[in-house]
Amino acid sequence: MATRVLGDWALDRGAPRVQLLTIPGNTASEAVARRAGFRIAGRERWNVVTRFT
């Protein structure tokens, strides 16, 4: 899955975290993020999901 590969690539190169923004209520995008190892870190106007090393 491209989302996981890109997140791994950034973390492997020293990024302390990777953030992915989704439109609130877009359950398909949220499911992709969860499957790629992201977790919800907060909600604003846009959902922010974060993956840590």
N, C-alpha and C. Protein backbone atom coordinates (compact mmCIF):
# COMPACT_ATOMS: atom_id res chain seq x y z
N MET A 1 0.86 -1.17 0.00
CA MET A 1 0.00 0.00 0.00
C MET A 1 0.91 1.24 0.00
N ALA A 2 0.62 2.16 -0.88
CA ALA A 2 1.45 3.36 -1.06
C ALA A 2 1.51 4.22 0.20
N THR A 3 0.43 4.31 0.93
CA THR A 3 0.41 5.14 2.14
C THR A 3 1.40 4.62 3.17
N ARG A 4 1.43 3.32 3.36
CA ARG A 4 2.37 2.71 4.32
C ARG A 4 3.80 2.88 3.84
N VAL A 5 4.04 2.64 2.55
CA VAL A 5 5.40 2.75 2.00
C VAL A 5 5.93 4.16 2.16
N LEU A 6 5.13 5.15 1.86
CA LEU A 6 5.57 6.54 2.00
C LEU A 6 5.84 6.90 3.46
N GLY A 7 4.97 6.46 4.36
CA GLY A 7 5.19 6.70 5.78
C GLY A 7 6.47 6.05 6.28
N ASP A 8 6.68 4.78 5.89
CA ASP A 8 7.91 4.08 6.27
C ASP A 8 9.14 4.79 5.73
N TRP A 9 9.06 5.23 4.48
CA TRP A 9 10.18 5.93 3.84
C TRP A 9 10.56 7.17 4.65
N ALA A 10 9.57 7.98 5.02
CA ALA A 10 9.85 9.21 5.76
C ALA A 10 10.41 8.91 7.15
N LEU A 11 9.82 7.94 7.84
CA LEU A 11 10.28 7.59 9.19
C LEU A 11 11.69 6.99 9.15
N ASP A 12 11.97 6.16 8.14
CA ASP A 12 13.30 5.56 8.00
C ASP A 12 14.39 6.61 7.75
N ARG A 13 13.99 7.76 7.24
CA ARG A 13 14.95 8.82 6.95
C ARG A 13 15.01 9.89 8.04
N GLY A 14 14.43 9.56 9.20
CA GLY A 14 14.59 10.43 10.35
C GLY A 14 13.43 11.35 10.69
N ALA A 15 12.35 11.29 9.95
CA ALA A 15 11.19 12.12 10.31
C ALA A 15 10.65 11.64 11.66
N PRO A 16 10.43 12.55 12.62
CA PRO A 16 9.95 12.11 13.93
C PRO A 16 8.50 11.62 13.90
N ARG A 17 7.75 12.10 12.92
CA ARG A 17 6.37 11.64 12.75
C ARG A 17 5.90 12.01 11.35
N VAL A 18 4.83 11.34 10.93
CA VAL A 18 4.22 11.60 9.63
C VAL A 18 2.75 11.89 9.88
N GLN A 19 2.25 12.98 9.31
CA GLN A 19 0.84 13.32 9.48
C GLN A 19 0.10 13.16 8.17
N LEU A 20 -1.13 12.72 8.28
CA LEU A 20 -2.00 12.54 7.14
C LEU A 20 -3.30 13.27 7.46
N LEU A 21 -3.75 14.11 6.57
CA LEU A 21 -4.99 14.87 6.79
C LEU A 21 -6.12 14.26 5.98
N THR A 22 -7.29 14.13 6.62
CA THR A 22 -8.47 13.65 5.91
C THR A 22 -9.63 14.61 6.17
N ILE A 23 -10.60 14.56 5.31
CA ILE A 23 -11.82 15.34 5.51
C ILE A 23 -12.65 14.61 6.56
N PRO A 24 -13.10 15.31 7.61
CA PRO A 24 -13.90 14.65 8.64
C PRO A 24 -15.10 13.91 8.03
N GLY A 25 -15.28 12.67 8.48
CA GLY A 25 -16.39 11.87 7.99
C GLY A 25 -16.07 11.04 6.76
N ASN A 26 -14.88 11.23 6.18
CA ASN A 26 -14.48 10.43 5.03
C ASN A 26 -13.95 9.10 5.55
N THR A 27 -14.87 8.17 5.79
CA THR A 27 -14.51 6.91 6.44
C THR A 27 -13.56 6.06 5.59
N ALA A 28 -13.64 6.18 4.28
CA ALA A 28 -12.74 5.41 3.41
C ALA A 28 -11.29 5.86 3.62
N SER A 29 -11.05 7.16 3.65
CA SER A 29 -9.70 7.68 3.87
C SER A 29 -9.21 7.34 5.27
N GLU A 30 -10.09 7.41 6.24
CA GLU A 30 -9.71 7.07 7.61
C GLU A 30 -9.33 5.60 7.72
N ALA A 31 -10.04 4.73 7.00
CA ALA A 31 -9.73 3.30 7.01
C ALA A 31 -8.37 3.03 6.36
N VAL A 32 -8.06 3.71 5.27
CA VAL A 32 -6.75 3.58 4.63
C VAL A 32 -5.66 3.98 5.60
N ALA A 33 -5.86 5.08 6.30
CA ALA A 33 -4.87 5.56 7.26
C ALA A 33 -4.65 4.53 8.38
N ARG A 34 -5.74 3.99 8.91
CA ARG A 34 -5.62 2.99 9.99
C ARG A 34 -4.86 1.75 9.51
N ARG A 35 -5.18 1.28 8.31
CA ARG A 35 -4.50 0.09 7.78
C ARG A 35 -3.01 0.36 7.54
N ALA A 36 -2.64 1.61 7.31
CA ALA A 36 -1.24 1.96 7.09
C ALA A 36 -0.50 2.23 8.40
N GLY A 37 -1.17 2.07 9.54
CA GLY A 37 -0.51 2.21 10.83
C GLY A 37 -0.66 3.57 11.48
N PHE A 38 -1.49 4.44 10.91
CA PHE A 38 -1.72 5.76 11.50
C PHE A 38 -2.78 5.64 12.59
N ARG A 39 -2.79 6.61 13.50
CA ARG A 39 -3.83 6.67 14.52
C ARG A 39 -4.31 8.11 14.63
N ILE A 40 -5.54 8.28 15.06
CA ILE A 40 -6.09 9.64 15.19
C ILE A 40 -5.39 10.34 16.34
N ALA A 41 -4.84 11.51 16.04
CA ALA A 41 -4.13 12.29 17.06
C ALA A 41 -4.91 13.52 17.46
N GLY A 42 -5.93 13.87 16.72
CA GLY A 42 -6.72 15.04 17.04
C GLY A 42 -7.72 15.33 15.94
N ARG A 43 -8.68 16.16 16.26
CA ARG A 43 -9.68 16.54 15.26
C ARG A 43 -9.82 18.05 15.28
N GLU A 44 -9.77 18.61 14.11
CA GLU A 44 -10.02 20.04 13.94
C GLU A 44 -11.03 20.14 12.81
N ARG A 45 -10.88 21.14 11.98
CA ARG A 45 -11.73 21.18 10.79
C ARG A 45 -11.42 19.99 9.89
N TRP A 46 -10.16 19.60 9.88
CA TRP A 46 -9.70 18.43 9.14
C TRP A 46 -9.21 17.42 10.16
N ASN A 47 -9.40 16.15 9.91
CA ASN A 47 -8.87 15.13 10.80
C ASN A 47 -7.37 15.05 10.60
N VAL A 48 -6.66 14.87 11.67
CA VAL A 48 -5.21 14.69 11.62
C VAL A 48 -4.91 13.31 12.19
N VAL A 49 -4.29 12.48 11.38
CA VAL A 49 -3.86 11.18 11.88
C VAL A 49 -2.34 11.14 11.80
N THR A 50 -1.73 10.60 12.82
CA THR A 50 -0.27 10.67 12.95
C THR A 50 0.29 9.28 13.15
N ARG A 51 1.45 9.09 12.57
CA ARG A 51 2.17 7.82 12.75
C ARG A 51 3.55 8.15 13.30
N PHE A 52 3.89 7.56 14.43
CA PHE A 52 5.16 7.80 15.08
C PHE A 52 6.11 6.65 14.82
N THR A 53 7.39 6.90 15.02
CA THR A 53 8.40 5.85 14.84
C THR A 53 8.21 4.77 15.87
